Amino acid sequence: MQTRKYQWKKKEVDQPTSLHLAKELNVSKVISEILVARGIHDFDSAQNYFRPNETQFQDGFLMKGMDVSVERLNKAISNNQTILVYGDYDVDGTCSVAMMVRFLKHLKAKVLYYQPHRETEGYGISLKSVEWSKENKIDLVIALDCGIKDFLAAEAYANENIDLIICDHHNPSETLPNAFSILNPKQYDCTYSFKELCGCAVGLKLIQSYVHKFDLKLDFSPYFQLAAVASAADVVPLINENRLITYLGLSEINKNPIEPFGLLFSKLNKLNEINLGDLIFKIAPRINAAGRLDTALLAAKYLISDSQESDQGLNKIETINEERRKLDELITQQALKDLDEQPKDRFTNLVFSDSWHKGVVGIVASRIIETYYKPTIVLCGQGDIITGSARSVKGFDLYSILENLKHYFVRFGGHKYAAGLSLKKENLASFKEDFENEVGKHIQEQDLIPEINIDSELSLHQLFQGVNNQSIPKIYRILKQMEPFGIGNPKPVFLFKGLRLESPARIVGEKHLKFSFSDSSKENKIDGIWFSSLSFLKILKDQETMDVVGTIDENYFRGNRTMQIIIKDIRVN
């Protein structure tokens, strides 16, 4: 009996390649299978993977528009022109603004920054910003993490003789805005080979190219840190340059964090190593909260600051984040209650309320998918135009579905798995049905069943081979060197067959289950924890052996360090 409706899928790899790599690297077949599944087939690719360094960055001038962008930026700096850094109000956009402002201030450039207000201006480059730029005598605008579909704003800037450089990563249309230059690797004729950078990373490429062009000496540490947070929050695949940026950024955060990050982790009493989860679950929500409930400029100002004002900025952000958290919980509960009353045989989730806050609907959409695993849209708004966020399930291209329905939208943009949209309230009912029908035409039954991709089968005997003087097995020491983990480079998942319960599962916290396992020999033992699994206690109560799928991690308790399984699913035998 399986406790959850998951598909367990073992990753298939080329066995001769795996065996050859195991011999070449002197690692176990378990490790070599994991590496081959990640596209690592020989010593050189393994070295690049395990030892990321700055030499692995691709030449930024391969990106279409980079040469003219660098020249225009240099002209602005050399002639003391006023530069406006413009960014979206999410984590990617806010980190982009902070990074570019820090760089331009380092060069003693004349710089101002601007982020649109979510409620009054919406996503992208606003027409209001054009008027603001005119009033403040702006000569050059650098738009980060937005702009690729802002045709009206680009035209308005051109009419005011204000040059616009767009640094974006969202999918472009067939036609492009009338900007001075555009940096976006997803342009069809862009020769930059890696297409999956976040907006902040595109901005980083502009900085790197400028530094290279004019042979400047620059400590990239602050920029890597900010780009790492942006990459983590924007859920880009952690492969190629994204993994490199995140690796370098995390290294710098642990060695010499910028003041805002150091202050935050100090207040959170974070004493052990900062990891990707800390960027996603500790830094990102706080940055996001400002843009969701107040103004992203609060977060940008905080990320730019390197002084006593950082403390004041953090206190404001903490207050806003706590409000965001409460709203998130309340609206999620209301949305789930609404869905409980809807037919269960639909392919999609779509909910609307005129009382919900626009700033948290994206979070709520992601929460809904955790319960009802379907493409999801959450909408809100009190006027004629309602807005919201769409989120998809793994493997299903929601963006292309929405593209087919774009006649409904006042505004629309996004990625394969996430999008923002607005439409007329009067069209909500027909849009809901057309969305359902369009998804139904393309989605497969297996798309609606969450998968667990298993990297390798692993026994406790194999796991505990090569233990060092700190009781850390060799396999785990190697896995640690494969970090950071994320989409494209997921944390390895193992199947442990026939584990025996040493004692009944016990409840920890309010809804988690703790296990003590042994193998058939009872010589090897390990703990396991299964989060948010209280409902399965009865199923597991009288079972002695089970197959367990999960990741392995360290557990620190009262000064002791032990291995444990972070359980994803269980099948009882």
Protein backbone atom coordinates (compact mmCIF):
# COMPACT_ATOMS: atom_id res chain seq x y z
CA MET A 1 0.00 0.00 0.00
CA GLN A 2 1.30 3.46 -0.94
CA THR A 3 0.54 6.30 1.41
CA ARG A 4 0.37 9.04 -1.20
CA LYS A 5 -0.65 9.28 -4.81
CA TYR A 6 2.86 9.77 -6.17
CA GLN A 7 4.53 8.29 -9.19
CA TRP A 8 7.89 6.78 -8.23
CA LYS A 9 10.20 7.00 -11.21
CA LYS A 10 13.75 5.71 -11.30
CA LYS A 11 16.02 7.84 -13.46
CA GLU A 12 17.50 5.82 -16.29
CA VAL A 13 21.14 6.43 -17.14
CA ASP A 14 23.60 4.89 -19.57
CA GLN A 15 25.22 2.13 -17.53
CA PRO A 16 28.53 1.83 -19.47
CA THR A 17 29.02 5.59 -19.07
CA SER A 18 28.17 5.35 -15.38
CA LEU A 19 30.64 2.50 -14.78
CA HIS A 20 33.40 4.32 -16.68
CA LEU A 21 32.82 7.53 -14.71
CA ALA A 22 32.81 5.66 -11.38
CA LYS A 23 36.24 4.23 -12.23
CA GLU A 24 37.60 7.54 -13.57
CA LEU A 25 36.53 9.51 -10.49
CA ASN A 26 37.02 6.71 -7.95
CA VAL A 27 33.46 7.02 -6.67
CA SER A 28 30.66 4.53 -6.08
CA LYS A 29 28.23 3.55 -8.81
CA VAL A 30 25.52 5.33 -6.81
CA ILE A 31 27.37 8.64 -7.17
CA SER A 32 28.29 8.10 -10.82
CA GLU A 33 24.64 7.41 -11.73
CA ILE A 34 23.64 10.70 -10.11
CA LEU A 35 26.32 12.57 -12.03
CA VAL A 36 25.51 11.00 -15.40
CA ALA A 37 21.85 11.91 -14.91
CA ARG A 38 23.06 15.53 -14.61
CA GLY A 39 24.96 15.40 -17.88
CA ILE A 40 28.40 14.74 -16.37
CA HIS A 41 30.12 12.09 -18.43
CA ASP A 42 33.88 12.55 -17.97
CA PHE A 43 36.58 13.93 -15.68
CA ASP A 44 36.61 17.44 -17.19
CA SER A 45 32.85 17.99 -16.88
CA ALA A 46 33.01 16.58 -13.34
CA GLN A 47 35.79 19.02 -12.45
CA ASN A 48 33.74 21.97 -13.77
CA TYR A 49 30.74 20.73 -11.82
CA PHE A 50 32.49 20.17 -8.49
CA ARG A 51 34.85 23.16 -8.73
CA PRO A 52 32.86 26.09 -10.18
CA ASN A 53 34.91 29.24 -10.75
CA GLU A 54 34.69 32.59 -12.53
CA THR A 55 36.58 31.38 -15.61
CA GLN A 56 33.47 29.38 -16.52
CA PHE A 57 31.43 32.51 -17.28
CA GLN A 58 30.51 32.92 -20.92
CA ASP A 59 31.67 36.06 -22.72
CA GLY A 60 28.92 38.63 -22.16
CA PHE A 61 29.59 40.23 -25.56
CA LEU A 62 28.08 37.16 -27.21
CA MET A 63 24.72 38.49 -26.01
CA LYS A 64 22.91 40.50 -28.65
CA GLY A 65 23.01 44.23 -27.86
CA MET A 66 25.83 44.03 -25.30
CA ASP A 67 28.38 46.09 -27.23
CA VAL A 68 26.06 49.06 -27.76
CA SER A 69 24.71 48.79 -24.20
CA VAL A 70 28.20 48.98 -22.72
CA GLU A 71 29.12 51.93 -24.93
CA ARG A 72 25.92 53.79 -24.02
CA LEU A 73 26.45 53.16 -20.31
CA ASN A 74 30.03 54.40 -20.56
CA LYS A 75 28.87 57.55 -22.33
CA ALA A 76 26.41 58.23 -19.52
CA ILE A 77 29.06 57.75 -16.85
CA SER A 78 31.76 59.74 -18.69
CA ASN A 79 29.44 62.69 -19.40
CA ASN A 80 27.91 62.69 -15.90
CA GLN A 81 24.45 61.98 -17.30
CA THR A 82 21.69 60.99 -14.91
CA ILE A 83 21.00 57.25 -15.01
CA LEU A 84 17.77 55.74 -13.77
CA VAL A 85 17.85 52.11 -12.64
CA TYR A 86 14.35 50.67 -13.05
CA GLY A 87 13.35 47.23 -11.74
CA ASP A 88 10.35 45.01 -11.17
CA TYR A 89 8.93 44.83 -7.64
CA ASP A 90 9.69 41.14 -6.97
CA VAL A 91 12.92 39.63 -5.56
CA ASP A 92 14.59 39.37 -8.97
CA GLY A 93 13.79 42.97 -9.85
CA THR A 94 14.68 44.34 -6.40
CA CYS A 95 18.02 42.52 -6.27
CA SER A 96 18.67 43.76 -9.82
CA VAL A 97 18.10 47.37 -8.77
CA ALA A 98 20.30 47.02 -5.69
CA MET A 99 23.08 45.37 -7.69
CA MET A 100 23.12 47.93 -10.51
CA VAL A 101 22.85 50.92 -8.16
CA ARG A 102 25.74 49.57 -6.07
CA PHE A 103 27.84 49.18 -9.22
CA LEU A 104 27.07 52.63 -10.59
CA LYS A 105 27.71 54.27 -7.23
CA HIS A 106 31.05 52.48 -7.14
CA LEU A 107 31.84 54.16 -10.48
CA LYS A 108 30.71 57.54 -9.05
CA ALA A 109 27.91 57.69 -11.60
CA LYS A 110 24.92 59.97 -11.18
CA VAL A 111 22.21 57.43 -10.41
CA LEU A 112 18.60 57.29 -9.22
CA TYR A 113 16.36 54.23 -8.91
CA TYR A 114 12.68 53.50 -9.40
CA GLN A 115 10.34 50.56 -8.91
CA PRO A 116 6.65 50.60 -9.82
CA HIS A 117 4.01 50.28 -7.14
CA ARG A 118 2.23 46.95 -7.51
CA GLU A 119 -1.23 48.41 -6.86
CA THR A 120 -1.12 51.72 -8.71
CA GLU A 121 1.28 50.99 -11.58
CA GLY A 122 1.36 47.23 -12.00
CA TYR A 123 4.04 45.07 -13.57
CA GLY A 124 6.57 46.35 -16.09
CA ILE A 125 7.74 49.81 -17.11
CA SER A 126 4.92 52.18 -16.22
CA LEU A 127 3.93 55.30 -18.13
CA LYS A 128 4.05 57.10 -14.78
CA SER A 129 7.80 56.42 -14.67
CA VAL A 130 8.20 58.21 -18.01
CA GLU A 131 6.73 61.38 -16.55
CA TRP A 132 8.85 60.95 -13.41
CA SER A 133 11.97 60.52 -15.54
CA LYS A 134 11.15 63.64 -17.55
CA GLU A 135 10.70 65.67 -14.35
CA ASN A 136 13.99 64.38 -12.93
CA LYS A 137 15.94 65.00 -16.15
CA ILE A 138 16.91 61.37 -16.70
CA ASP A 139 19.20 60.71 -19.68
CA LEU A 140 19.41 56.92 -19.60
CA VAL A 141 17.12 54.25 -18.14
CA ILE A 142 18.35 50.72 -17.40
CA ALA A 143 15.28 48.50 -16.98
CA LEU A 144 15.95 45.22 -15.21
CA ASP A 145 13.74 42.11 -15.06
CA CYS A 146 11.08 43.84 -17.16
CA GLY A 147 10.58 45.79 -20.37
CA ILE A 148 10.53 43.17 -23.11
CA LYS A 149 6.79 43.66 -23.67
CA ASP A 150 6.44 47.29 -22.54
CA PHE A 151 5.90 48.77 -26.00
CA LEU A 152 3.99 51.87 -24.90
CA ALA A 153 6.50 52.86 -22.22
CA ALA A 154 9.45 52.28 -24.55
CA GLU A 155 7.84 54.45 -27.22
CA ALA A 156 7.09 57.14 -24.63
CA TYR A 157 10.74 57.16 -23.49
CA ALA A 158 11.89 57.40 -27.11
CA ASN A 159 9.56 60.35 -27.68
CA GLU A 160 11.14 62.12 -24.71
CA ASN A 161 14.66 61.43 -26.08
CA ILE A 162 15.47 59.28 -23.04
CA ASP A 163 17.52 56.22 -23.98
CA LEU A 164 16.30 52.88 -22.65
CA ILE A 165 18.40 49.74 -22.13
CA ILE A 166 16.23 46.71 -21.42
CA CYS A 167 17.81 43.85 -19.42
CA ASP A 168 15.14 41.17 -19.33
CA HIS A 169 14.73 37.40 -19.41
CA HIS A 170 11.01 36.97 -20.09
CA ASN A 171 9.83 35.55 -23.39
CA PRO A 172 9.84 38.25 -26.11
CA SER A 173 7.14 38.75 -28.70
CA GLU A 174 7.84 38.60 -32.43
CA THR A 175 8.17 42.38 -32.38
CA LEU A 176 10.36 44.17 -29.84
CA PRO A 177 9.99 47.45 -27.95
CA ASN A 178 11.53 50.62 -29.39
CA ALA A 179 14.45 50.71 -26.97
CA PHE A 180 18.02 51.94 -27.43
CA SER A 181 19.21 48.37 -26.85
CA ILE A 182 17.85 45.10 -25.53
CA LEU A 183 19.70 42.44 -23.55
CA ASN A 184 17.70 39.24 -23.43
CA PRO A 185 19.25 35.88 -24.31
CA LYS A 186 15.81 34.61 -25.37
CA GLN A 187 15.79 36.85 -28.46
CA TYR A 188 15.60 34.46 -31.41
CA ASP A 189 18.81 35.77 -33.00
CA CYS A 190 20.85 36.11 -29.79
CA THR A 191 24.06 34.05 -29.92
CA TYR A 192 24.41 33.79 -26.15
CA SER A 193 24.05 30.05 -25.68
CA PHE A 194 22.59 29.94 -22.15
CA LYS A 195 19.01 31.16 -22.22
CA GLU A 196 17.83 30.61 -18.62
CA LEU A 197 19.32 33.57 -16.74
CA CYS A 198 17.10 35.54 -14.37
CA GLY A 199 16.77 39.31 -14.81
CA CYS A 200 19.41 40.08 -12.20
CA ALA A 201 21.85 37.73 -13.94
CA VAL A 202 21.33 39.58 -17.23
CA GLY A 203 22.21 42.77 -15.34
CA LEU A 204 25.28 40.99 -13.95
CA LYS A 205 26.38 40.17 -17.52
CA LEU A 206 26.18 43.89 -18.33
CA ILE A 207 28.38 44.70 -15.32
CA GLN A 208 30.86 41.94 -16.18
CA SER A 209 31.06 43.10 -19.79
CA TYR A 210 31.60 46.73 -18.77
CA VAL A 211 34.37 45.74 -16.35
CA HIS A 212 36.03 43.58 -19.00
CA LYS A 213 35.75 46.24 -21.73
CA PHE A 214 37.43 48.93 -19.65
CA ASP A 215 39.77 46.61 -17.74
CA LEU A 216 38.48 47.66 -14.31
CA LYS A 217 39.32 46.07 -10.98
CA LEU A 218 36.14 45.15 -9.13
CA ASP A 219 35.23 43.01 -6.16
CA PHE A 220 32.28 41.04 -7.53
CA SER A 221 31.28 39.65 -4.13
CA PRO A 222 28.23 41.91 -3.52
CA TYR A 223 26.97 41.36 -7.06
CA PHE A 224 27.28 37.57 -6.89
CA GLN A 225 25.42 37.60 -3.56
CA LEU A 226 22.50 39.61 -4.91
CA ALA A 227 22.36 37.63 -8.16
CA ALA A 228 22.37 34.37 -6.18
CA VAL A 229 19.34 35.47 -4.14
CA ALA A 230 17.55 36.58 -7.30
CA SER A 231 18.30 33.27 -9.07
CA ALA A 232 17.12 31.26 -6.08
CA ALA A 233 13.90 33.25 -5.69
CA ASP A 234 13.07 33.22 -9.42
CA VAL A 235 13.37 29.41 -9.46
CA VAL A 236 15.57 29.34 -12.56
CA PRO A 237 17.19 25.98 -13.34
CA LEU A 238 20.44 25.63 -11.39
CA ILE A 239 22.54 24.58 -14.33
CA ASN A 240 25.33 26.24 -16.29
CA GLU A 241 25.79 29.90 -15.26
CA ASN A 242 22.85 29.88 -12.86
CA ARG A 243 24.52 27.22 -10.75
CA LEU A 244 27.84 29.09 -11.02
CA ILE A 245 26.26 32.38 -9.88
CA THR A 246 24.45 30.70 -7.00
CA TYR A 247 27.56 28.78 -5.93
CA LEU A 248 29.75 31.91 -5.95
CA GLY A 249 27.06 34.00 -4.25
CA LEU A 250 26.54 31.49 -1.44
CA SER A 251 30.30 31.20 -0.94
CA GLU A 252 30.56 34.97 -0.55
CA ILE A 253 27.52 35.20 1.75
CA ASN A 254 29.19 32.66 4.04
CA LYS A 255 32.58 34.39 3.89
CA ASN A 256 31.77 38.10 3.78
CA PRO A 257 28.05 38.90 3.51
CA ILE A 258 26.93 42.36 2.51
CA GLU A 259 25.60 44.33 5.46
CA PRO A 260 21.88 43.64 4.80
CA PHE A 261 22.39 39.86 4.63
CA GLY A 262 24.78 39.72 7.57
CA LEU A 263 22.38 41.74 9.71
CA LEU A 264 19.41 39.57 8.79
CA PHE A 265 21.11 36.27 9.59
CA SER A 266 22.49 37.73 12.80
CA LYS A 267 18.98 38.67 13.94
CA LEU A 268 17.74 35.19 12.99
CA ASN A 269 20.58 33.65 15.04
CA LYS A 270 21.66 31.71 11.98
CA LEU A 271 24.97 30.27 13.15
CA ASN A 272 25.59 27.37 10.77
CA GLU A 273 26.34 27.54 7.05
CA ILE A 274 23.96 29.56 4.87
CA ASN A 275 22.44 27.38 2.14
CA LEU A 276 20.09 27.78 -0.80
CA GLY A 277 17.08 27.11 1.42
CA ASP A 278 18.04 30.14 3.51
CA LEU A 279 18.03 32.34 0.40
CA ILE A 280 14.62 31.02 -0.66
CA PHE A 281 12.86 30.86 2.71
CA LYS A 282 14.55 33.57 4.77
CA ILE A 283 15.83 36.33 2.48
CA ALA A 284 13.43 36.12 -0.49
CA PRO A 285 10.09 36.34 1.42
CA ARG A 286 11.26 39.44 3.26
CA ILE A 287 12.33 41.19 0.06
CA ASN A 288 9.12 40.13 -1.66
CA ALA A 289 6.93 41.28 1.21
CA ALA A 290 7.85 44.93 0.70
CA GLY A 291 6.77 44.88 -2.95
CA ARG A 292 3.66 42.84 -2.21
CA LEU A 293 2.20 44.91 0.62
CA ASP A 294 3.95 48.29 0.50
CA THR A 295 6.64 49.39 -1.95
CA ALA A 296 9.62 47.41 -3.20
CA LEU A 297 11.71 50.55 -2.81
CA LEU A 298 11.91 49.80 0.93
CA ALA A 299 13.64 46.50 0.17
CA ALA A 300 15.87 48.04 -2.52
CA LYS A 301 16.97 50.79 -0.15
CA TYR A 302 17.75 48.14 2.46
CA LEU A 303 19.80 46.04 0.02
CA ILE A 304 21.76 49.06 -1.15
CA SER A 305 22.55 50.31 2.35
CA ASP A 306 25.78 49.51 4.14
CA SER A 307 25.31 51.51 7.32
CA GLN A 308 23.24 52.00 10.46
CA GLU A 309 20.13 52.62 8.39
CA SER A 310 20.19 48.89 7.51
CA ASP A 311 18.88 48.08 10.99
CA GLN A 312 15.93 50.46 10.62
CA GLY A 313 15.20 49.11 7.15
CA LEU A 314 15.20 45.52 8.38
CA ASN A 315 12.76 46.33 11.19
CA LYS A 316 10.32 47.82 8.65
CA ILE A 317 10.67 44.81 6.36
CA GLU A 318 10.17 42.35 9.26
CA THR A 319 6.92 44.07 10.20
CA ILE A 320 5.66 43.95 6.61
CA ASN A 321 6.71 40.31 6.23
CA GLU A 322 4.75 39.28 9.31
CA GLU A 323 1.67 40.97 7.85
CA ARG A 324 2.31 39.16 4.55
CA ARG A 325 2.55 35.81 6.31
CA LYS A 326 -0.81 36.29 8.06
CA LEU A 327 -2.49 37.36 4.81
CA ASP A 328 -0.99 34.41 2.98
CA GLU A 329 -2.39 31.95 5.53
CA LEU A 330 -5.85 33.55 5.63
CA ILE A 331 -6.32 33.79 1.87
CA THR A 332 -4.98 30.27 1.31
CA GLN A 333 -7.59 28.92 3.74
CA GLN A 334 -10.35 30.86 1.97
CA ALA A 335 -9.22 29.73 -1.48
CA LEU A 336 -9.02 26.06 -0.44
CA LYS A 337 -12.50 26.28 1.06
CA ASP A 338 -13.77 27.71 -2.24
CA LEU A 339 -12.15 24.85 -4.18
CA ASP A 340 -13.61 22.28 -1.81
CA GLU A 341 -17.03 23.33 -3.09
CA GLN A 342 -16.06 23.08 -6.77
CA PRO A 343 -16.26 19.89 -8.92
CA LYS A 344 -13.23 17.65 -8.36
CA ASP A 345 -13.07 16.37 -11.94
CA ARG A 346 -11.78 19.63 -13.41
CA PHE A 347 -8.29 19.91 -14.89
CA THR A 348 -7.72 23.35 -13.38
CA ASN A 349 -8.08 25.43 -10.23
CA LEU A 350 -9.39 28.98 -10.61
CA VAL A 351 -10.56 31.11 -7.68
CA PHE A 352 -11.47 34.77 -7.35
CA SER A 353 -12.34 37.16 -4.55
CA ASP A 354 -12.67 40.92 -4.55
CA SER A 355 -11.36 41.01 -0.96
CA TRP A 356 -8.01 39.30 -1.48
CA HIS A 357 -4.76 41.21 -1.57
CA LYS A 358 -3.04 41.36 -4.93
CA GLY A 359 0.37 41.02 -3.37
CA VAL A 360 0.01 37.45 -2.13
CA VAL A 361 -2.04 35.71 -4.85
CA GLY A 362 1.11 34.20 -6.39
CA ILE A 363 2.05 32.62 -3.07
CA VAL A 364 -1.52 31.38 -2.61
CA ALA A 365 -1.53 29.80 -6.09
CA SER A 366 1.60 27.83 -5.18
CA ARG A 367 0.02 26.76 -1.88
CA ILE A 368 -3.11 25.53 -3.67
CA ILE A 369 -1.04 23.28 -5.94
CA GLU A 370 0.37 21.57 -2.85
CA THR A 371 -3.20 20.43 -2.07
CA TYR A 372 -4.85 20.27 -5.50
CA TYR A 373 -2.14 19.37 -7.98
CA LYS A 374 -3.48 21.16 -11.07
CA PRO A 375 -2.66 24.31 -13.11
CA THR A 376 -3.91 27.12 -10.90
CA ILE A 377 -4.97 30.76 -11.25
CA VAL A 378 -5.80 33.04 -8.30
CA LEU A 379 -7.48 36.36 -9.13
CA CYS A 380 -8.51 39.41 -7.14
CA GLY A 381 -9.66 43.00 -7.62
CA GLN A 382 -12.59 45.28 -6.91
CA GLY A 383 -12.81 47.26 -10.15
CA ASP A 384 -13.59 46.43 -13.75
CA ILE A 385 -10.10 44.97 -14.21
CA ILE A 386 -9.06 42.00 -12.06
CA THR A 387 -5.54 40.68 -11.73
CA GLY A 388 -3.81 37.57 -10.55
CA SER A 389 -1.16 34.93 -10.82
CA ALA A 390 -0.98 31.59 -12.56
CA ARG A 391 1.14 28.61 -11.50
CA SER A 392 1.68 25.30 -13.25
CA VAL A 393 2.52 21.72 -12.35
CA LYS A 394 5.80 20.10 -13.27
CA GLY A 395 6.29 19.50 -16.97
CA PHE A 396 3.21 21.40 -18.15
CA ASP A 397 3.75 24.58 -20.18
CA LEU A 398 1.12 26.92 -18.77
CA TYR A 399 2.53 29.95 -20.57
CA SER A 400 1.68 28.53 -24.00
CA ILE A 401 -1.87 27.79 -22.80
CA LEU A 402 -2.33 31.37 -21.69
CA GLU A 403 -0.81 32.58 -24.96
CA ASN A 404 -3.73 30.87 -26.70
CA LEU A 405 -6.10 32.86 -24.48
CA LYS A 406 -4.33 36.21 -24.69
CA HIS A 407 -7.36 37.86 -26.30
CA TYR A 408 -8.82 37.92 -22.79
CA PHE A 409 -5.91 39.80 -21.20
CA VAL A 410 -5.36 43.46 -20.59
CA ARG A 411 -1.80 42.55 -19.52
CA PHE A 412 0.01 39.25 -19.52
CA GLY A 413 3.55 37.94 -19.10
CA GLY A 414 5.58 35.20 -17.52
CA HIS A 415 7.33 31.87 -17.91
CA LYS A 416 6.51 28.21 -18.54
CA TYR A 417 5.46 27.60 -14.93
CA ALA A 418 4.39 31.06 -13.71
CA ALA A 419 2.61 34.08 -15.15
CA GLY A 420 0.88 37.28 -14.17
CA LEU A 421 -2.29 38.42 -15.89
CA SER A 422 -5.17 40.89 -15.80
CA LEU A 423 -8.55 40.80 -17.53
CA LYS A 424 -11.98 42.42 -17.48
CA LYS A 425 -14.13 41.15 -14.64
CA GLU A 426 -17.09 40.74 -16.98
CA ASN A 427 -15.10 38.07 -18.88
CA LEU A 428 -14.20 36.00 -15.81
CA ALA A 429 -16.83 33.27 -16.24
CA SER A 430 -16.07 32.66 -19.92
CA PHE A 431 -12.31 32.82 -19.31
CA LYS A 432 -12.62 30.24 -16.52
CA GLU A 433 -14.32 27.77 -18.85
CA ASP A 434 -12.01 28.46 -21.79
CA PHE A 435 -9.01 28.04 -19.50
CA GLU A 436 -10.39 24.70 -18.33
CA ASN A 437 -11.06 23.54 -21.89
CA GLU A 438 -7.69 24.67 -23.23
CA VAL A 439 -5.79 22.92 -20.44
CA GLY A 440 -7.96 19.82 -20.93
CA LYS A 441 -6.92 19.61 -24.59
CA HIS A 442 -3.21 19.48 -23.78
CA ILE A 443 -2.69 18.07 -20.31
CA GLN A 444 -1.99 14.37 -19.80
CA GLU A 445 -3.27 12.27 -16.91
CA GLN A 446 0.25 11.73 -15.62
CA ASP A 447 0.79 15.51 -15.51
CA LEU A 448 -1.76 15.64 -12.68
CA ILE A 449 0.04 13.09 -10.54
CA PRO A 450 3.13 14.50 -8.80
CA GLU A 451 6.31 12.58 -9.49
CA ILE A 452 9.14 11.55 -7.26
CA ASN A 453 12.22 11.03 -9.38
CA ILE A 454 14.52 8.52 -7.73
CA ASP A 455 18.21 8.90 -8.48
CA SER A 456 19.36 5.58 -7.11
CA GLU A 457 18.53 2.72 -4.79
CA LEU A 458 20.66 2.88 -1.65
CA SER A 459 21.07 0.50 1.27
CA LEU A 460 22.01 1.60 4.77
CA HIS A 461 25.13 -0.55 4.44
CA GLN A 462 26.18 1.43 1.34
CA LEU A 463 25.32 4.73 3.00
CA PHE A 464 27.48 4.17 6.06
CA GLN A 465 30.62 3.10 4.20
CA GLY A 466 33.63 5.38 4.51
CA VAL A 467 32.56 7.18 7.70
CA ASN A 468 35.06 9.84 8.84
CA ASN A 469 35.94 10.86 12.40
CA GLN A 470 32.85 13.09 12.49
CA SER A 471 30.58 10.14 11.61
CA ILE A 472 29.87 11.57 8.13
CA PRO A 473 29.77 8.93 5.36
CA LYS A 474 31.76 9.40 2.15
CA ILE A 475 28.60 9.43 0.00
CA TYR A 476 27.19 12.35 1.97
CA ARG A 477 30.49 14.26 1.83
CA ILE A 478 30.41 13.97 -1.97
CA LEU A 479 26.74 14.99 -2.11
CA LYS A 480 27.57 18.16 -0.16
CA GLN A 481 30.02 19.10 -2.91
CA MET A 482 27.18 18.90 -5.45
CA GLU A 483 25.34 21.82 -3.89
CA PRO A 484 23.58 24.14 -4.44
CA PHE A 485 20.57 22.02 -5.27
CA GLY A 486 17.48 23.21 -7.08
CA ILE A 487 15.56 22.81 -10.32
CA GLY A 488 17.94 21.32 -12.90
CA ASN A 489 20.26 20.11 -10.15
CA PRO A 490 17.89 18.55 -7.62
CA LYS A 491 18.95 17.12 -4.31
CA PRO A 492 19.47 13.39 -4.93
CA VAL A 493 16.55 11.20 -3.94
CA PHE A 494 17.15 7.62 -2.80
CA LEU A 495 15.02 4.53 -2.47
CA PHE A 496 15.64 2.53 0.70
CA LYS A 497 13.99 -0.90 0.40
CA GLY A 498 12.80 -3.06 3.25
CA LEU A 499 13.58 -0.76 6.17
CA ARG A 500 12.42 -2.04 9.54
CA LEU A 501 10.77 0.11 12.17
CA GLU A 502 12.76 -0.04 15.39
CA SER A 503 9.82 1.47 17.26
CA PRO A 504 6.43 2.95 16.32
CA ALA A 505 6.48 6.30 14.50
CA ARG A 506 6.09 9.19 16.92
CA ILE A 507 4.64 12.65 16.50
CA VAL A 508 7.01 15.63 16.66
CA GLY A 509 5.80 19.20 16.52
CA GLU A 510 2.14 19.36 15.56
CA LYS A 511 2.05 17.37 12.32
CA HIS A 512 5.37 15.62 11.65
CA LEU A 513 6.33 11.97 12.11
CA LYS A 514 9.68 10.72 13.40
CA PHE A 515 10.99 7.23 12.64
CA SER A 516 13.84 4.97 13.73
CA PHE A 517 14.82 2.51 10.99
CA SER A 518 17.20 -0.42 10.67
CA ASP A 519 18.08 -2.72 7.80
CA SER A 520 17.42 -6.46 7.73
CA SER A 521 20.70 -7.17 9.54
CA LYS A 522 19.80 -4.64 12.26
CA GLU A 523 23.47 -3.58 12.18
CA ASN A 524 22.79 -0.26 10.46
CA LYS A 525 20.31 2.21 11.90
CA ILE A 526 19.09 5.66 10.88
CA ASP A 527 16.40 8.14 11.88
CA GLY A 528 13.88 9.58 9.47
CA ILE A 529 11.51 12.52 9.59
CA TRP A 530 8.40 13.00 7.45
CA PHE A 531 7.06 16.54 7.50
CA SER A 532 3.32 17.30 7.46
CA SER A 533 2.45 13.60 7.48
CA LEU A 534 0.35 13.16 10.62
CA SER A 535 -2.61 11.87 8.60
CA PHE A 536 -0.60 8.75 7.66
CA LEU A 537 0.09 7.66 11.25
CA LYS A 538 -2.73 5.09 11.28
CA ILE A 539 -1.58 3.53 8.00
CA LEU A 540 1.94 3.07 9.36
CA LYS A 541 1.02 2.06 12.90
CA ASP A 542 1.16 -1.72 12.56
CA GLN A 543 3.73 -1.97 9.81
CA GLU A 544 7.13 -3.47 10.44
CA THR A 545 8.88 -3.05 7.07
CA MET A 546 8.51 -0.44 4.36
CA ASP A 547 10.15 1.08 1.30
CA VAL A 548 11.16 4.66 1.93
CA VAL A 549 11.94 7.39 -0.61
CA GLY A 550 13.76 10.49 0.53
CA THR A 551 16.92 12.56 0.69
CA ILE A 552 19.69 12.25 3.25
CA ASP A 553 20.82 15.04 5.51
CA GLU A 554 22.57 15.77 8.77
CA ASN A 555 20.73 16.24 12.04
CA TYR A 556 22.23 18.28 14.86
CA PHE A 557 20.83 17.53 18.31
CA ARG A 558 22.43 18.40 21.64
CA GLY A 559 25.85 18.63 20.06
CA ASN A 560 25.57 15.30 18.25
CA ARG A 561 25.69 15.02 14.48
CA THR A 562 23.89 12.07 12.88
CA MET A 563 22.50 11.13 9.47
CA GLN A 564 18.77 11.10 8.82
CA ILE A 565 16.36 10.50 5.95
CA ILE A 566 14.11 13.42 4.97
CA ILE A 567 11.16 11.33 3.83
CA LYS A 568 9.17 12.13 0.69
CA ASP A 569 6.95 9.06 0.54
CA ILE A 570 6.53 5.56 1.97
CA ARG A 571 5.19 2.28 0.64
CA VAL A 572 4.36 -0.33 3.25
CA ASN A 573 5.16 -3.96 2.49
